[in-house]
């Protein structure tokens, strides 16, 4: 998946949707389950995609440490959505999954591979975290018959879009052939997506965390 232009592929798909809508104005928008980690990261993504999809936001982030931080990010996201026109105008809803940090630690296998704790972001620990959360999102998307699933994670310059898209495609590709849910290719930091998320964060006075989420990213950021 290296060196692919995910944004170009997404733009081509959205153009197809536009053409279909012009040809048949009453055509229903496809459904999208969008995994989100916080309000700031989801801001631009929702602004960008709400015209093309019926979106449900999926908040599943047991990697976030400590629990107070997890709750703060979730509450900030919920509060932001009560004010954000793309959410209000398109009836975006939020699904919150169970917060159990042990699920995260087991998924990255930190007990047996403690050296992963010292990795910088974008390494194997992060890849396992992408995979872990995307599997949960995909399971929910399939169970509830969504057309697509995706994540806001690629908007961050500290996240590896190649690994995110590779995991998303692999998870969907390993499913049964009769399952309709597909992975939505993306690299939301492109087209000034990250810059726009900063602008929206300032406009709505959003809390922007100083580390990705897990205890290891907090430790690495503190050392910096």
N, C-alpha and C. Protein backbone atom coordinates (compact mmCIF):
# COMPACT_ATOMS: atom_id res chain seq x y z
N UNK A 1 0.81 -1.21 0.00
CA UNK A 1 0.00 0.00 0.00
C UNK A 1 0.85 1.28 0.00
N UNK A 2 2.18 1.15 0.00
CA UNK A 2 3.04 2.31 0.06
C UNK A 2 2.87 3.21 -1.15
N UNK A 3 2.97 4.54 -0.90
CA UNK A 3 3.00 5.56 -1.95
C UNK A 3 1.72 5.65 -2.76
N UNK A 4 0.62 5.16 -2.23
CA UNK A 4 -0.65 5.32 -2.93
C UNK A 4 -1.25 6.69 -2.61
N UNK A 5 -1.95 7.26 -3.57
CA UNK A 5 -2.63 8.54 -3.35
C UNK A 5 -4.05 8.25 -2.90
N UNK A 6 -4.22 8.06 -1.61
CA UNK A 6 -5.53 7.71 -1.06
C UNK A 6 -6.54 8.83 -1.26
N UNK A 7 -6.07 10.07 -1.15
CA UNK A 7 -6.97 11.20 -1.31
C UNK A 7 -7.53 11.24 -2.73
N UNK A 8 -6.68 10.98 -3.71
CA UNK A 8 -7.14 10.99 -5.10
C UNK A 8 -8.19 9.90 -5.32
N UNK A 9 -7.97 8.73 -4.74
CA UNK A 9 -8.94 7.64 -4.89
C UNK A 9 -10.25 7.98 -4.21
N UNK A 10 -10.18 8.64 -3.04
CA UNK A 10 -11.41 9.05 -2.37
C UNK A 10 -12.14 10.10 -3.19
N UNK A 11 -11.41 11.05 -3.74
CA UNK A 11 -12.05 12.09 -4.57
C UNK A 11 -12.76 11.49 -5.78
N UNK A 12 -12.17 10.47 -6.38
CA UNK A 12 -12.81 9.81 -7.52
C UNK A 12 -14.11 9.13 -7.10
N UNK A 13 -14.11 8.51 -5.93
CA UNK A 13 -15.32 7.86 -5.43
C UNK A 13 -16.41 8.89 -5.15
N UNK A 14 -16.03 9.99 -4.52
CA UNK A 14 -17.02 11.03 -4.21
C UNK A 14 -17.57 11.66 -5.49
N UNK A 15 -16.74 11.74 -6.51
CA UNK A 15 -17.21 12.25 -7.80
C UNK A 15 -18.26 11.31 -8.40
N UNK A 16 -18.05 10.02 -8.24
CA UNK A 16 -19.04 9.05 -8.70
C UNK A 16 -20.37 9.25 -7.98
N UNK A 17 -20.31 9.50 -6.69
CA UNK A 17 -21.52 9.75 -5.92
C UNK A 17 -22.25 10.99 -6.44
N UNK A 18 -21.48 12.04 -6.75
CA UNK A 18 -22.08 13.26 -7.27
C UNK A 18 -22.78 13.00 -8.60
N UNK A 19 -22.13 12.24 -9.48
CA UNK A 19 -22.73 11.93 -10.78
C UNK A 19 -24.01 11.10 -10.63
N UNK A 20 -23.99 10.16 -9.70
CA UNK A 20 -25.18 9.35 -9.46
C UNK A 20 -26.34 10.19 -8.96
N UNK A 21 -26.02 11.16 -8.08
CA UNK A 21 -27.06 12.02 -7.53
C UNK A 21 -27.65 12.92 -8.60
N UNK A 22 -26.80 13.39 -9.51
CA UNK A 22 -27.32 14.22 -10.61
C UNK A 22 -28.20 13.40 -11.53
N UNK A 23 -27.83 12.17 -11.76
CA UNK A 23 -28.61 11.31 -12.65
C UNK A 23 -29.93 10.89 -12.00
N UNK A 24 -29.88 10.60 -10.71
CA UNK A 24 -31.07 10.19 -9.97
C UNK A 24 -31.11 10.98 -8.68
N UNK A 25 -31.74 12.16 -8.68
CA UNK A 25 -31.68 13.06 -7.53
C UNK A 25 -32.16 12.46 -6.21
N UNK A 26 -33.02 11.47 -6.27
CA UNK A 26 -33.57 10.91 -5.03
C UNK A 26 -32.73 9.75 -4.50
N UNK A 27 -31.58 9.48 -5.10
CA UNK A 27 -30.76 8.37 -4.66
C UNK A 27 -30.31 8.60 -3.21
N UNK A 28 -30.35 7.56 -2.42
CA UNK A 28 -29.99 7.66 -1.00
C UNK A 28 -28.48 7.64 -0.83
N UNK A 29 -28.00 8.48 0.06
CA UNK A 29 -26.56 8.50 0.33
C UNK A 29 -26.14 7.19 0.99
N UNK A 30 -24.96 6.68 0.65
CA UNK A 30 -24.47 5.46 1.31
C UNK A 30 -24.19 5.74 2.79
N UNK A 31 -24.24 4.70 3.59
CA UNK A 31 -24.00 4.84 5.02
C UNK A 31 -22.52 4.62 5.34
N UNK A 32 -22.04 5.35 6.31
CA UNK A 32 -20.62 5.28 6.71
C UNK A 32 -20.52 5.24 8.22
N UNK A 33 -19.83 4.23 8.73
CA UNK A 33 -19.47 4.19 10.14
C UNK A 33 -18.07 4.79 10.25
N UNK A 34 -17.97 5.91 10.94
CA UNK A 34 -16.72 6.66 11.02
C UNK A 34 -16.15 6.57 12.43
N UNK A 35 -15.09 5.78 12.58
CA UNK A 35 -14.40 5.73 13.87
C UNK A 35 -13.73 7.07 14.11
N UNK A 36 -13.93 7.62 15.33
CA UNK A 36 -13.33 8.90 15.68
C UNK A 36 -12.68 8.81 17.04
N UNK A 37 -11.57 9.54 17.18
CA UNK A 37 -10.82 9.52 18.44
C UNK A 37 -11.07 10.76 19.29
N UNK A 38 -11.57 11.85 18.67
CA UNK A 38 -11.78 13.10 19.41
C UNK A 38 -12.55 14.08 18.52
N UNK A 39 -12.96 15.19 19.12
CA UNK A 39 -13.67 16.22 18.38
C UNK A 39 -12.84 16.90 17.32
N UNK A 40 -11.63 17.38 17.65
CA UNK A 40 -10.82 18.07 16.65
C UNK A 40 -10.53 17.24 15.41
N UNK A 41 -10.18 15.97 15.60
CA UNK A 41 -9.85 15.13 14.44
C UNK A 41 -11.06 14.84 13.57
N UNK A 42 -12.25 14.82 14.18
CA UNK A 42 -13.45 14.51 13.41
C UNK A 42 -14.06 15.75 12.75
N UNK A 43 -13.61 16.94 13.15
CA UNK A 43 -14.26 18.17 12.69
C UNK A 43 -14.22 18.33 11.17
N UNK A 44 -13.02 18.38 10.61
CA UNK A 44 -12.91 18.55 9.17
C UNK A 44 -13.46 17.34 8.42
N UNK A 45 -13.23 16.15 8.96
CA UNK A 45 -13.69 14.93 8.26
C UNK A 45 -15.20 14.95 8.09
N UNK A 46 -15.92 15.35 9.12
CA UNK A 46 -17.38 15.44 9.01
C UNK A 46 -17.80 16.55 8.06
N UNK A 47 -17.12 17.67 8.14
CA UNK A 47 -17.42 18.77 7.23
C UNK A 47 -17.24 18.33 5.78
N UNK A 48 -16.23 17.54 5.55
CA UNK A 48 -15.87 17.07 4.21
C UNK A 48 -16.81 15.98 3.69
N UNK A 49 -17.22 15.04 4.55
CA UNK A 49 -17.92 13.85 4.10
C UNK A 49 -19.43 13.87 4.26
N UNK A 50 -19.95 14.77 5.07
CA UNK A 50 -21.39 14.72 5.38
C UNK A 50 -22.28 14.90 4.14
N UNK A 51 -21.79 15.58 3.13
CA UNK A 51 -22.58 15.76 1.91
C UNK A 51 -22.70 14.48 1.10
N UNK A 52 -21.85 13.51 1.39
CA UNK A 52 -21.79 12.30 0.56
C UNK A 52 -22.29 11.04 1.27
N UNK A 53 -22.31 11.06 2.61
CA UNK A 53 -22.65 9.86 3.37
C UNK A 53 -23.64 10.17 4.49
N UNK A 54 -24.42 9.17 4.84
CA UNK A 54 -25.15 9.19 6.10
C UNK A 54 -24.20 8.61 7.15
N UNK A 55 -23.74 9.45 8.07
CA UNK A 55 -22.63 9.10 8.94
C UNK A 55 -23.08 8.81 10.37
N UNK A 56 -22.53 7.75 10.91
CA UNK A 56 -22.60 7.45 12.34
C UNK A 56 -21.17 7.44 12.87
N UNK A 57 -20.93 8.20 13.92
CA UNK A 57 -19.59 8.26 14.52
C UNK A 57 -19.46 7.15 15.57
N UNK A 58 -18.35 6.44 15.51
CA UNK A 58 -18.10 5.29 16.37
C UNK A 58 -16.93 5.63 17.28
N UNK A 59 -17.20 5.82 18.56
CA UNK A 59 -16.17 6.20 19.52
C UNK A 59 -15.73 4.97 20.28
N UNK A 60 -14.62 4.40 19.84
CA UNK A 60 -14.04 3.22 20.49
C UNK A 60 -12.55 3.45 20.64
N UNK A 61 -12.14 3.82 21.87
CA UNK A 61 -10.75 4.20 22.10
C UNK A 61 -10.27 3.80 23.49
N UNK A 62 -10.24 2.50 23.78
CA UNK A 62 -9.76 2.05 25.10
C UNK A 62 -8.25 2.22 25.27
N UNK A 63 -7.58 2.68 24.23
CA UNK A 63 -6.15 2.99 24.33
C UNK A 63 -5.89 4.27 25.11
N UNK A 64 -6.90 5.13 25.23
CA UNK A 64 -6.69 6.44 25.84
C UNK A 64 -6.44 6.31 27.35
N UNK A 65 -5.41 7.00 27.80
CA UNK A 65 -5.00 6.96 29.21
C UNK A 65 -4.79 8.40 29.70
N UNK A 66 -5.22 8.69 30.95
CA UNK A 66 -6.03 7.87 31.85
C UNK A 66 -7.52 7.96 31.51
N UNK A 67 -8.36 7.37 32.35
CA UNK A 67 -9.80 7.36 32.07
C UNK A 67 -10.38 8.77 32.06
N UNK A 68 -9.87 9.65 32.89
CA UNK A 68 -10.36 11.03 32.89
C UNK A 68 -10.12 11.70 31.53
N UNK A 69 -8.99 11.37 30.92
CA UNK A 69 -8.70 11.91 29.59
C UNK A 69 -9.67 11.34 28.56
N UNK A 70 -9.95 10.05 28.68
CA UNK A 70 -10.91 9.40 27.79
C UNK A 70 -12.26 10.12 27.87
N UNK A 71 -12.72 10.36 29.10
CA UNK A 71 -14.03 11.01 29.29
C UNK A 71 -14.01 12.45 28.80
N UNK A 72 -12.89 13.12 29.00
CA UNK A 72 -12.80 14.51 28.54
C UNK A 72 -12.91 14.59 27.03
N UNK A 73 -12.22 13.71 26.33
CA UNK A 73 -12.28 13.72 24.86
C UNK A 73 -13.68 13.37 24.36
N UNK A 74 -14.30 12.40 25.00
CA UNK A 74 -15.66 12.01 24.60
C UNK A 74 -16.65 13.14 24.85
N UNK A 75 -16.58 13.76 26.01
CA UNK A 75 -17.51 14.85 26.33
C UNK A 75 -17.29 16.05 25.43
N UNK A 76 -16.04 16.33 25.11
CA UNK A 76 -15.73 17.43 24.20
C UNK A 76 -16.32 17.15 22.81
N UNK A 77 -16.20 15.91 22.37
CA UNK A 77 -16.75 15.51 21.07
C UNK A 77 -18.28 15.68 21.07
N UNK A 78 -18.93 15.18 22.11
CA UNK A 78 -20.40 15.28 22.19
C UNK A 78 -20.84 16.74 22.23
N UNK A 79 -20.16 17.55 23.01
CA UNK A 79 -20.52 18.96 23.12
C UNK A 79 -20.32 19.69 21.80
N UNK A 80 -19.23 19.40 21.13
CA UNK A 80 -18.95 20.01 19.83
C UNK A 80 -20.04 19.68 18.82
N UNK A 81 -20.51 18.46 18.83
CA UNK A 81 -21.51 18.02 17.86
C UNK A 81 -22.86 18.71 18.06
N UNK A 82 -23.12 19.26 19.24
CA UNK A 82 -24.37 19.99 19.46
C UNK A 82 -24.34 21.37 18.82
N UNK A 83 -23.15 21.79 18.32
CA UNK A 83 -23.00 23.13 17.74
C UNK A 83 -22.58 23.11 16.28
N UNK A 84 -22.16 21.98 15.79
CA UNK A 84 -21.50 21.92 14.48
C UNK A 84 -22.52 21.65 13.38
N UNK A 85 -22.74 22.61 12.47
CA UNK A 85 -23.78 22.48 11.46
C UNK A 85 -23.75 21.20 10.63
N UNK A 86 -22.57 20.73 10.14
CA UNK A 86 -22.59 19.49 9.36
C UNK A 86 -23.19 18.31 10.13
N UNK A 87 -22.97 18.28 11.44
CA UNK A 87 -23.54 17.21 12.27
C UNK A 87 -25.03 17.40 12.43
N UNK A 88 -25.43 18.62 12.76
CA UNK A 88 -26.85 18.91 13.01
C UNK A 88 -27.69 18.76 11.74
N UNK A 89 -27.17 19.27 10.63
CA UNK A 89 -27.94 19.26 9.39
C UNK A 89 -28.05 17.86 8.78
N UNK A 90 -27.13 16.99 9.15
CA UNK A 90 -27.13 15.65 8.56
C UNK A 90 -27.43 14.55 9.57
N UNK A 91 -27.89 14.95 10.75
CA UNK A 91 -28.38 13.99 11.76
C UNK A 91 -27.33 12.93 12.09
N UNK A 92 -26.09 13.37 12.28
CA UNK A 92 -25.03 12.44 12.66
C UNK A 92 -25.23 12.01 14.11
N UNK A 93 -25.14 10.73 14.37
CA UNK A 93 -25.27 10.23 15.73
C UNK A 93 -23.96 9.59 16.18
N UNK A 94 -23.84 9.36 17.49
CA UNK A 94 -22.62 8.83 18.08
C UNK A 94 -22.91 7.51 18.77
N UNK A 95 -22.06 6.52 18.51
CA UNK A 95 -22.09 5.24 19.21
C UNK A 95 -20.84 5.16 20.09
N UNK A 96 -21.03 4.98 21.38
CA UNK A 96 -19.90 4.82 22.29
C UNK A 96 -19.77 3.37 22.69
N UNK A 97 -18.60 2.79 22.44
CA UNK A 97 -18.35 1.41 22.85
C UNK A 97 -17.69 1.38 24.23
N UNK A 98 -17.63 0.20 24.81
CA UNK A 98 -17.13 0.02 26.18
C UNK A 98 -15.66 0.43 26.29
N UNK A 99 -15.35 1.08 27.40
CA UNK A 99 -13.97 1.47 27.69
C UNK A 99 -13.34 0.44 28.61
N UNK A 100 -12.44 -0.35 28.08
CA UNK A 100 -11.72 -1.36 28.86
C UNK A 100 -10.26 -1.35 28.42
N UNK A 101 -9.40 -0.62 29.12
CA UNK A 101 -8.00 -0.50 28.70
C UNK A 101 -7.28 -1.83 28.55
N UNK A 102 -7.68 -2.84 29.31
CA UNK A 102 -7.02 -4.14 29.21
C UNK A 102 -7.15 -4.72 27.81
N UNK A 103 -8.24 -4.40 27.14
CA UNK A 103 -8.40 -4.87 25.76
C UNK A 103 -7.30 -4.31 24.86
N UNK A 104 -6.95 -3.06 25.10
CA UNK A 104 -5.89 -2.43 24.33
C UNK A 104 -4.53 -3.07 24.63
N UNK A 105 -4.22 -3.24 25.90
CA UNK A 105 -2.92 -3.82 26.27
C UNK A 105 -2.78 -5.25 25.75
N UNK A 106 -3.87 -5.98 25.77
CA UNK A 106 -3.82 -7.34 25.22
C UNK A 106 -3.63 -7.32 23.70
N UNK A 107 -4.28 -6.37 23.05
CA UNK A 107 -4.20 -6.30 21.58
C UNK A 107 -2.80 -5.97 21.10
N UNK A 108 -2.09 -5.12 21.82
CA UNK A 108 -0.73 -4.77 21.38
C UNK A 108 0.31 -5.73 21.96
N UNK A 109 -0.14 -6.63 22.84
CA UNK A 109 0.73 -7.69 23.40
C UNK A 109 1.92 -7.09 24.16
N UNK A 110 1.64 -6.04 24.92
CA UNK A 110 2.71 -5.33 25.61
C UNK A 110 3.34 -6.19 26.72
N UNK A 111 2.57 -7.09 27.29
CA UNK A 111 3.09 -7.93 28.37
C UNK A 111 4.24 -8.81 27.88
N UNK A 112 4.09 -9.35 26.68
CA UNK A 112 5.11 -10.25 26.12
C UNK A 112 6.16 -9.53 25.30
N UNK A 113 5.86 -8.30 24.89
CA UNK A 113 6.80 -7.53 24.07
C UNK A 113 6.95 -6.12 24.67
N UNK A 114 7.49 -6.01 25.87
CA UNK A 114 7.56 -4.73 26.57
C UNK A 114 8.37 -3.66 25.84
N UNK A 115 9.24 -4.07 24.93
CA UNK A 115 10.05 -3.09 24.18
C UNK A 115 9.19 -2.17 23.32
N UNK A 116 7.96 -2.60 23.02
CA UNK A 116 7.06 -1.76 22.22
C UNK A 116 6.71 -0.46 22.93
N UNK A 117 6.83 -0.46 24.25
CA UNK A 117 6.50 0.74 25.02
C UNK A 117 7.41 1.91 24.66
N UNK A 118 8.60 1.63 24.20
CA UNK A 118 9.58 2.68 23.90
C UNK A 118 9.58 3.12 22.44
N UNK A 119 8.73 2.53 21.64
CA UNK A 119 8.66 2.90 20.22
C UNK A 119 8.15 4.33 20.03
N UNK A 120 8.64 4.97 19.02
CA UNK A 120 8.06 6.24 18.61
C UNK A 120 6.75 5.97 17.87
N UNK A 121 5.94 7.01 17.70
CA UNK A 121 4.68 6.83 16.98
C UNK A 121 4.93 6.41 15.54
N UNK A 122 3.96 5.71 14.96
CA UNK A 122 3.97 5.17 13.61
C UNK A 122 4.64 3.81 13.53
N UNK A 123 5.04 3.25 14.67
CA UNK A 123 5.70 1.95 14.67
C UNK A 123 4.72 0.79 14.79
N UNK A 124 5.23 -0.36 15.21
CA UNK A 124 4.43 -1.58 15.29
C UNK A 124 3.35 -1.48 16.37
N UNK A 125 3.67 -0.84 17.48
CA UNK A 125 2.66 -0.66 18.52
C UNK A 125 1.45 0.09 17.98
N UNK A 126 1.71 1.15 17.24
CA UNK A 126 0.63 1.94 16.67
C UNK A 126 -0.15 1.14 15.62
N UNK A 127 0.58 0.37 14.82
CA UNK A 127 -0.13 -0.44 13.82
C UNK A 127 -1.11 -1.39 14.49
N UNK A 128 -0.67 -2.03 15.56
CA UNK A 128 -1.56 -2.95 16.27
C UNK A 128 -2.76 -2.21 16.87
N UNK A 129 -2.52 -1.00 17.29
CA UNK A 129 -3.63 -0.20 17.84
C UNK A 129 -4.62 0.17 16.74
N UNK A 130 -4.13 0.54 15.55
CA UNK A 130 -5.04 0.79 14.42
C UNK A 130 -5.88 -0.46 14.15
N UNK A 131 -5.20 -1.58 14.04
CA UNK A 131 -5.87 -2.83 13.70
C UNK A 131 -6.93 -3.18 14.73
N UNK A 132 -6.58 -3.05 15.99
CA UNK A 132 -7.47 -3.37 17.09
C UNK A 132 -8.76 -2.55 17.05
N UNK A 133 -8.65 -1.26 16.88
CA UNK A 133 -9.84 -0.40 16.87
C UNK A 133 -10.64 -0.54 15.57
N UNK A 134 -9.94 -0.72 14.45
CA UNK A 134 -10.64 -0.89 13.19
C UNK A 134 -11.41 -2.20 13.13
N UNK A 135 -10.89 -3.25 13.74
CA UNK A 135 -11.62 -4.52 13.78
C UNK A 135 -12.95 -4.35 14.51
N UNK A 136 -12.91 -3.61 15.61
CA UNK A 136 -14.13 -3.37 16.37
C UNK A 136 -15.12 -2.55 15.55
N UNK A 137 -14.62 -1.54 14.86
CA UNK A 137 -15.48 -0.72 14.02
C UNK A 137 -16.09 -1.55 12.90
N UNK A 138 -15.27 -2.38 12.29
CA UNK A 138 -15.77 -3.21 11.18
C UNK A 138 -16.84 -4.18 11.66
N UNK A 139 -16.63 -4.79 12.80
CA UNK A 139 -17.63 -5.72 13.34
C UNK A 139 -18.97 -5.02 13.54
N UNK A 140 -18.92 -3.80 14.06
CA UNK A 140 -20.16 -3.05 14.26
C UNK A 140 -20.78 -2.66 12.92
N UNK A 141 -19.94 -2.24 11.98
CA UNK A 141 -20.44 -1.83 10.67
C UNK A 141 -21.12 -2.98 9.94
N UNK A 142 -20.53 -4.16 10.00
CA UNK A 142 -21.12 -5.33 9.34
C UNK A 142 -22.42 -5.72 10.02
N UNK A 143 -22.40 -5.76 11.34
CA UNK A 143 -23.59 -6.14 12.10
C UNK A 143 -24.77 -5.23 11.80
N UNK A 144 -24.47 -3.96 11.55
CA UNK A 144 -25.53 -2.97 11.33
C UNK A 144 -25.65 -2.54 9.87
N UNK A 145 -25.04 -3.33 8.98
CA UNK A 145 -25.28 -3.20 7.55
C UNK A 145 -24.85 -1.86 6.94
N UNK A 146 -23.72 -1.34 7.40
CA UNK A 146 -23.20 -0.11 6.81
C UNK A 146 -22.56 -0.41 5.46
N UNK A 147 -22.61 0.58 4.57
CA UNK A 147 -21.96 0.43 3.27
C UNK A 147 -20.44 0.56 3.37
N UNK A 148 -19.98 1.47 4.21
CA UNK A 148 -18.55 1.74 4.37
C UNK A 148 -18.20 1.91 5.84
N UNK A 149 -16.91 1.70 6.11
CA UNK A 149 -16.38 2.08 7.41
C UNK A 149 -15.03 2.76 7.19
N UNK A 150 -14.63 3.59 8.16
CA UNK A 150 -13.42 4.38 8.01
C UNK A 150 -13.03 4.91 9.39
N UNK A 151 -11.93 5.67 9.44
CA UNK A 151 -11.50 6.30 10.68
C UNK A 151 -10.96 7.69 10.39
N UNK A 152 -11.04 8.55 11.40
CA UNK A 152 -10.49 9.90 11.27
C UNK A 152 -8.98 9.93 11.51
N UNK A 153 -8.39 8.83 11.91
CA UNK A 153 -7.00 8.82 12.36
C UNK A 153 -6.01 9.38 11.35
N UNK A 154 -6.28 9.20 10.07
CA UNK A 154 -5.29 9.62 9.05
C UNK A 154 -5.17 11.13 8.94
N UNK A 155 -6.01 11.88 9.65
CA UNK A 155 -5.89 13.35 9.58
C UNK A 155 -4.66 13.84 10.32
N UNK A 156 -4.15 13.03 11.24
CA UNK A 156 -3.01 13.46 12.05
C UNK A 156 -1.70 13.27 11.30
N UNK A 157 -0.82 14.26 11.34
CA UNK A 157 0.50 14.09 10.73
C UNK A 157 1.36 13.07 11.48
N UNK A 158 0.92 12.66 12.66
CA UNK A 158 1.66 11.67 13.44
C UNK A 158 1.15 10.25 13.23
N UNK A 159 0.20 10.09 12.30
CA UNK A 159 -0.35 8.77 12.01
C UNK A 159 0.06 8.34 10.60
N UNK A 160 0.29 7.06 10.44
CA UNK A 160 0.76 6.49 9.18
C UNK A 160 -0.43 6.08 8.33
N UNK A 161 -0.72 6.86 7.30
CA UNK A 161 -1.88 6.59 6.44
C UNK A 161 -1.74 5.26 5.70
N UNK A 162 -0.51 4.88 5.34
CA UNK A 162 -0.30 3.60 4.66
C UNK A 162 -0.74 2.45 5.56
N UNK A 163 -0.30 2.48 6.80
CA UNK A 163 -0.66 1.40 7.73
C UNK A 163 -2.16 1.40 8.03
N UNK A 164 -2.73 2.56 8.19
CA UNK A 164 -4.17 2.65 8.48
C UNK A 164 -4.98 2.05 7.33
N UNK A 165 -4.66 2.44 6.11
CA UNK A 165 -5.42 1.94 4.96
C UNK A 165 -5.14 0.46 4.70
N UNK A 166 -3.92 0.03 4.94
CA UNK A 166 -3.59 -1.38 4.78
C UNK A 166 -4.42 -2.23 5.74
N UNK A 167 -4.50 -1.79 7.00
CA UNK A 167 -5.27 -2.55 7.99
C UNK A 167 -6.77 -2.50 7.66
N UNK A 168 -7.26 -1.34 7.27
CA UNK A 168 -8.68 -1.23 6.93
C UNK A 168 -9.09 -2.14 5.79
N UNK A 169 -8.27 -2.18 4.75
CA UNK A 169 -8.54 -3.05 3.60
C UNK A 169 -8.41 -4.53 3.97
N UNK A 170 -7.39 -4.84 4.75
CA UNK A 170 -7.16 -6.23 5.14
C UNK A 170 -8.33 -6.78 5.95
N UNK A 171 -8.81 -5.98 6.89
CA UNK A 171 -9.92 -6.42 7.74
C UNK A 171 -11.16 -6.68 6.91
N UNK A 172 -11.48 -5.76 6.01
CA UNK A 172 -12.65 -5.94 5.15
C UNK A 172 -12.43 -7.07 4.15
N UNK A 173 -11.20 -7.21 3.68
CA UNK A 173 -10.89 -8.25 2.70
C UNK A 173 -10.95 -9.64 3.26
N UNK A 174 -10.74 -9.77 4.56
CA UNK A 174 -10.79 -11.08 5.20
C UNK A 174 -12.20 -11.52 5.59
N UNK A 175 -13.18 -10.65 5.31
CA UNK A 175 -14.55 -10.98 5.69
C UNK A 175 -15.18 -11.91 4.65
N UNK A 176 -16.38 -12.34 4.96
CA UNK A 176 -17.11 -13.21 4.04
C UNK A 176 -17.45 -12.45 2.76
N UNK A 177 -17.51 -13.16 1.68
CA UNK A 177 -17.72 -12.52 0.38
C UNK A 177 -19.08 -11.85 0.25
N UNK A 178 -20.06 -12.29 1.05
CA UNK A 178 -21.39 -11.72 0.93
C UNK A 178 -21.59 -10.49 1.82
N UNK A 179 -20.56 -10.09 2.55
CA UNK A 179 -20.64 -8.90 3.40
C UNK A 179 -20.42 -7.67 2.53
N UNK A 180 -21.31 -6.69 2.66
CA UNK A 180 -21.23 -5.54 1.75
C UNK A 180 -20.33 -4.41 2.26
N UNK A 181 -20.02 -4.38 3.55
CA UNK A 181 -19.27 -3.26 4.13
C UNK A 181 -17.86 -3.17 3.55
N UNK A 182 -17.51 -2.01 3.03
CA UNK A 182 -16.21 -1.79 2.40
C UNK A 182 -15.41 -0.74 3.17
N UNK A 183 -14.11 -0.82 3.04
CA UNK A 183 -13.23 0.18 3.63
C UNK A 183 -13.18 1.41 2.75
N UNK A 184 -13.28 2.59 3.34
CA UNK A 184 -13.20 3.85 2.61
C UNK A 184 -11.76 4.36 2.67
N UNK A 185 -11.06 4.30 1.54
CA UNK A 185 -9.69 4.81 1.48
C UNK A 185 -9.66 6.30 1.82
N UNK A 186 -8.63 6.72 2.53
CA UNK A 186 -8.58 8.13 2.92
C UNK A 186 -7.19 8.50 3.40
N UNK A 187 -6.90 9.76 3.29
CA UNK A 187 -5.76 10.37 3.97
C UNK A 187 -6.19 11.81 4.23
N UNK A 188 -6.92 12.00 5.32
CA UNK A 188 -7.63 13.24 5.55
C UNK A 188 -6.72 14.44 5.83
N UNK A 189 -5.44 14.20 6.06
CA UNK A 189 -4.54 15.33 6.26
C UNK A 189 -4.28 16.07 4.95
N UNK A 190 -4.53 15.41 3.82
CA UNK A 190 -4.32 16.03 2.51
C UNK A 190 -5.37 17.11 2.25
N UNK A 191 -5.11 17.89 1.21
CA UNK A 191 -6.00 19.00 0.84
C UNK A 191 -6.20 19.96 2.01
N UNK A 192 -5.12 20.13 2.80
CA UNK A 192 -5.15 21.01 3.97
C UNK A 192 -6.16 20.57 5.03
N UNK A 193 -6.42 19.26 5.07
CA UNK A 193 -7.39 18.75 6.04
C UNK A 193 -6.96 18.99 7.48
N UNK A 194 -5.68 18.73 7.78
CA UNK A 194 -5.21 18.97 9.14
C UNK A 194 -5.28 20.46 9.48
N UNK A 195 -4.89 21.30 8.54
CA UNK A 195 -4.95 22.75 8.75
C UNK A 195 -6.38 23.19 9.02
N UNK A 196 -7.32 22.63 8.28
CA UNK A 196 -8.73 22.99 8.48
C UNK A 196 -9.22 22.53 9.87
N UNK A 197 -8.73 21.38 10.32
CA UNK A 197 -9.13 20.91 11.65
C UNK A 197 -8.61 21.87 12.73
N UNK A 198 -7.43 22.45 12.51
CA UNK A 198 -6.91 23.44 13.46
C UNK A 198 -7.78 24.69 13.46
N UNK A 199 -8.22 25.10 12.28
CA UNK A 199 -9.08 26.28 12.18
C UNK A 199 -10.41 26.05 12.89
N UNK A 200 -11.00 24.88 12.68
CA UNK A 200 -12.27 24.57 13.32
C UNK A 200 -12.10 24.45 14.83
N UNK A 201 -10.99 23.90 15.26
CA UNK A 201 -10.72 23.79 16.69
C UNK A 201 -10.66 25.18 17.34
N UNK A 202 -10.02 26.11 16.64
CA UNK A 202 -9.95 27.47 17.16
C UNK A 202 -11.32 28.14 17.13
N UNK A 203 -12.05 27.94 16.05
CA UNK A 203 -13.37 28.57 15.92
C UNK A 203 -14.33 28.11 17.01
N UNK A 204 -14.28 26.81 17.35
CA UNK A 204 -15.20 26.26 18.35
C UNK A 204 -14.55 26.07 19.72
N UNK A 205 -13.33 26.59 19.86
CA UNK A 205 -12.62 26.53 21.14
C UNK A 205 -12.53 25.10 21.67
N UNK A 206 -12.09 24.20 20.81
CA UNK A 206 -12.03 22.78 21.17
C UNK A 206 -10.75 22.48 21.94
N UNK A 207 -10.87 21.56 22.87
CA UNK A 207 -9.71 21.04 23.59
C UNK A 207 -8.91 20.16 22.64
N UNK A 208 -7.64 20.50 22.45
CA UNK A 208 -6.75 19.70 21.62
C UNK A 208 -5.69 19.06 22.51
N UNK A 209 -5.74 17.75 22.61
CA UNK A 209 -4.83 17.02 23.47
C UNK A 209 -3.40 17.12 22.96
N UNK A 210 -2.44 16.95 23.86
CA UNK A 210 -1.03 17.10 23.52
C UNK A 210 -0.32 15.77 23.27
N UNK A 211 -1.07 14.68 23.28
CA UNK A 211 -0.50 13.37 22.97
C UNK A 211 -1.59 12.52 22.34
N UNK A 212 -1.17 11.47 21.64
CA UNK A 212 -2.11 10.66 20.87
C UNK A 212 -3.21 10.08 21.75
N UNK A 213 -2.80 9.41 22.84
CA UNK A 213 -3.84 8.84 23.70
C UNK A 213 -3.33 7.82 24.70
N UNK A 214 -2.48 6.92 24.29
CA UNK A 214 -2.06 5.84 25.18
C UNK A 214 -0.98 6.33 26.15
N UNK A 215 -0.74 5.54 27.18
CA UNK A 215 0.23 5.90 28.21
C UNK A 215 1.64 6.02 27.63
N UNK A 216 1.90 5.28 26.57
CA UNK A 216 3.24 5.30 25.97
C UNK A 216 3.46 6.56 25.16
N UNK A 217 2.43 7.02 24.47
CA UNK A 217 2.56 8.28 23.74
C UNK A 217 2.63 9.45 24.72
N UNK A 218 1.94 9.35 25.85
CA UNK A 218 2.03 10.39 26.89
C UNK A 218 3.45 10.45 27.44
N UNK A 219 4.03 9.30 27.72
CA UNK A 219 5.39 9.23 28.24
C UNK A 219 6.38 9.81 27.22
N UNK A 220 6.24 9.40 25.96
CA UNK A 220 7.16 9.89 24.93
C UNK A 220 7.04 11.40 24.76
N UNK A 221 5.81 11.91 24.81
CA UNK A 221 5.60 13.35 24.66
C UNK A 221 6.17 14.10 25.85
N UNK A 222 6.03 13.54 27.06
CA UNK A 222 6.56 14.18 28.25
C UNK A 222 8.08 14.25 28.20
N UNK A 223 8.70 13.21 27.66
CA UNK A 223 10.15 13.20 27.54
C UNK A 223 10.65 14.26 26.55
N UNK A 224 9.85 14.50 25.51
CA UNK A 224 10.23 15.53 24.56
C UNK A 224 10.22 16.91 25.22
